[in-house]
N, C-alpha and C. Protein backbone atom coordinates (compact mmCIF):
# COMPACT_ATOMS: atom_id res chain seq x y z
N UNK A 1 29.68 21.25 1.44
CA UNK A 1 29.16 20.99 2.76
C UNK A 1 27.65 20.79 2.73
N UNK A 2 26.97 21.66 1.98
CA UNK A 2 25.51 21.55 1.91
C UNK A 2 25.10 20.26 1.20
N UNK A 3 25.88 19.87 0.22
CA UNK A 3 25.58 18.62 -0.49
C UNK A 3 25.69 17.40 0.40
N UNK A 4 26.67 17.41 1.29
CA UNK A 4 26.85 16.29 2.22
C UNK A 4 25.68 16.21 3.19
N UNK A 5 25.18 17.34 3.64
CA UNK A 5 24.04 17.36 4.56
C UNK A 5 22.80 16.82 3.86
N UNK A 6 22.61 17.22 2.62
CA UNK A 6 21.45 16.74 1.85
C UNK A 6 21.54 15.23 1.67
N UNK A 7 22.70 14.71 1.35
CA UNK A 7 22.88 13.27 1.16
C UNK A 7 22.60 12.52 2.46
N UNK A 8 23.07 13.02 3.57
CA UNK A 8 22.83 12.37 4.86
C UNK A 8 21.35 12.37 5.19
N UNK A 9 20.67 13.48 4.97
CA UNK A 9 19.23 13.56 5.24
C UNK A 9 18.47 12.59 4.36
N UNK A 10 18.79 12.52 3.10
CA UNK A 10 18.12 11.60 2.19
C UNK A 10 18.35 10.15 2.61
N UNK A 11 19.57 9.83 2.98
CA UNK A 11 19.87 8.46 3.41
C UNK A 11 19.16 8.10 4.71
N UNK A 12 18.97 9.05 5.59
CA UNK A 12 18.27 8.78 6.85
C UNK A 12 16.76 8.65 6.64
N UNK A 13 16.20 9.41 5.72
CA UNK A 13 14.75 9.41 5.50
C UNK A 13 14.28 8.36 4.50
N UNK A 14 15.15 7.85 3.67
CA UNK A 14 14.74 6.93 2.61
C UNK A 14 14.07 5.66 3.12
N UNK A 15 14.49 5.02 4.21
CA UNK A 15 13.76 3.83 4.68
C UNK A 15 12.32 4.13 5.05
N UNK A 16 12.09 5.28 5.67
CA UNK A 16 10.73 5.65 6.06
C UNK A 16 9.86 5.95 4.84
N UNK A 17 10.43 6.66 3.88
CA UNK A 17 9.69 7.00 2.67
C UNK A 17 9.35 5.73 1.88
N UNK A 18 10.29 4.83 1.76
CA UNK A 18 10.06 3.58 1.05
C UNK A 18 8.99 2.75 1.75
N UNK A 19 9.07 2.65 3.08
CA UNK A 19 8.10 1.87 3.83
C UNK A 19 6.69 2.44 3.69
N UNK A 20 6.55 3.74 3.80
CA UNK A 20 5.24 4.37 3.70
C UNK A 20 4.68 4.21 2.29
N UNK A 21 5.52 4.36 1.27
CA UNK A 21 5.02 4.24 -0.10
C UNK A 21 4.61 2.79 -0.41
N UNK A 22 5.35 1.82 0.09
CA UNK A 22 4.99 0.43 -0.14
C UNK A 22 3.71 0.06 0.61
N UNK A 23 3.52 0.63 1.80
CA UNK A 23 2.28 0.40 2.55
C UNK A 23 1.09 0.99 1.80
N UNK A 24 1.27 2.14 1.20
CA UNK A 24 0.19 2.76 0.42
C UNK A 24 -0.14 1.92 -0.82
N UNK A 25 0.88 1.40 -1.47
CA UNK A 25 0.66 0.53 -2.64
C UNK A 25 -0.07 -0.74 -2.23
N UNK A 26 0.31 -1.33 -1.10
CA UNK A 26 -0.35 -2.54 -0.62
C UNK A 26 -1.80 -2.28 -0.27
N UNK A 27 -2.09 -1.14 0.34
CA UNK A 27 -3.47 -0.80 0.69
C UNK A 27 -4.31 -0.60 -0.57
N UNK A 28 -3.77 0.09 -1.55
CA UNK A 28 -4.51 0.32 -2.80
C UNK A 28 -4.75 -1.00 -3.54
N UNK A 29 -3.74 -1.86 -3.59
CA UNK A 29 -3.87 -3.14 -4.25
C UNK A 29 -4.89 -4.03 -3.54
N UNK A 30 -4.89 -4.02 -2.22
CA UNK A 30 -5.86 -4.78 -1.46
C UNK A 30 -7.28 -4.32 -1.71
N UNK A 31 -7.48 -3.02 -1.76
CA UNK A 31 -8.81 -2.45 -2.02
C UNK A 31 -9.28 -2.84 -3.43
N UNK A 32 -8.39 -2.70 -4.41
CA UNK A 32 -8.77 -3.03 -5.78
C UNK A 32 -9.11 -4.52 -5.93
N UNK A 33 -8.32 -5.38 -5.32
CA UNK A 33 -8.57 -6.81 -5.43
C UNK A 33 -9.84 -7.23 -4.69
N UNK A 34 -10.12 -6.59 -3.56
CA UNK A 34 -11.35 -6.89 -2.82
C UNK A 34 -12.57 -6.47 -3.63
N UNK A 35 -12.53 -5.29 -4.21
CA UNK A 35 -13.64 -4.83 -5.04
C UNK A 35 -13.85 -5.75 -6.24
N UNK A 36 -12.76 -6.18 -6.86
CA UNK A 36 -12.84 -7.09 -8.01
C UNK A 36 -13.47 -8.42 -7.61
N UNK A 37 -13.06 -8.95 -6.48
CA UNK A 37 -13.61 -10.24 -6.02
C UNK A 37 -15.10 -10.11 -5.70
N UNK A 38 -15.50 -9.00 -5.09
CA UNK A 38 -16.91 -8.81 -4.77
C UNK A 38 -17.75 -8.68 -6.04
N UNK A 39 -17.22 -8.03 -7.07
CA UNK A 39 -17.94 -7.90 -8.33
C UNK A 39 -18.05 -9.24 -9.05
N UNK A 40 -16.99 -10.02 -9.05
CA UNK A 40 -16.99 -11.30 -9.75
C UNK A 40 -17.93 -12.31 -9.11
N UNK A 41 -18.06 -12.24 -7.79
CA UNK A 41 -18.84 -13.24 -7.08
C UNK A 41 -20.10 -12.64 -6.47
N UNK A 42 -20.65 -11.64 -7.14
CA UNK A 42 -21.86 -10.98 -6.65
C UNK A 42 -23.01 -11.99 -6.62
N UNK A 43 -23.74 -11.98 -5.54
CA UNK A 43 -24.87 -12.89 -5.39
C UNK A 43 -24.52 -14.20 -4.72
N UNK A 44 -23.27 -14.44 -4.45
CA UNK A 44 -22.85 -15.68 -3.81
C UNK A 44 -23.18 -15.61 -2.32
N UNK A 45 -23.62 -16.72 -1.77
CA UNK A 45 -23.95 -16.75 -0.35
C UNK A 45 -22.68 -16.72 0.51
N UNK A 46 -21.55 -17.03 -0.07
CA UNK A 46 -20.30 -17.04 0.69
C UNK A 46 -19.80 -15.63 1.01
N UNK A 47 -20.24 -14.62 0.25
CA UNK A 47 -19.81 -13.25 0.53
C UNK A 47 -20.31 -12.77 1.89
N UNK A 48 -21.44 -13.30 2.33
CA UNK A 48 -21.99 -12.89 3.63
C UNK A 48 -21.12 -13.38 4.79
N UNK A 49 -20.34 -14.42 4.56
CA UNK A 49 -19.52 -14.94 5.65
C UNK A 49 -18.21 -14.17 5.80
N UNK A 50 -17.84 -13.35 4.81
CA UNK A 50 -16.61 -12.55 4.91
C UNK A 50 -16.81 -11.41 5.89
N UNK A 51 -15.81 -11.17 6.67
CA UNK A 51 -15.89 -10.06 7.63
C UNK A 51 -14.94 -8.99 7.23
């Protein structure tokens, strides 16, 4: 009985856990790529136009 409850809870929470973890990965990847682009193009006048 306890095993069935655990399985149901895991199945109900898994979409939220997956969504939150993928959002965190996307945020980290975006930050890393933005920092990389700023370092590669340091001194460019086009960086001032980015908001």
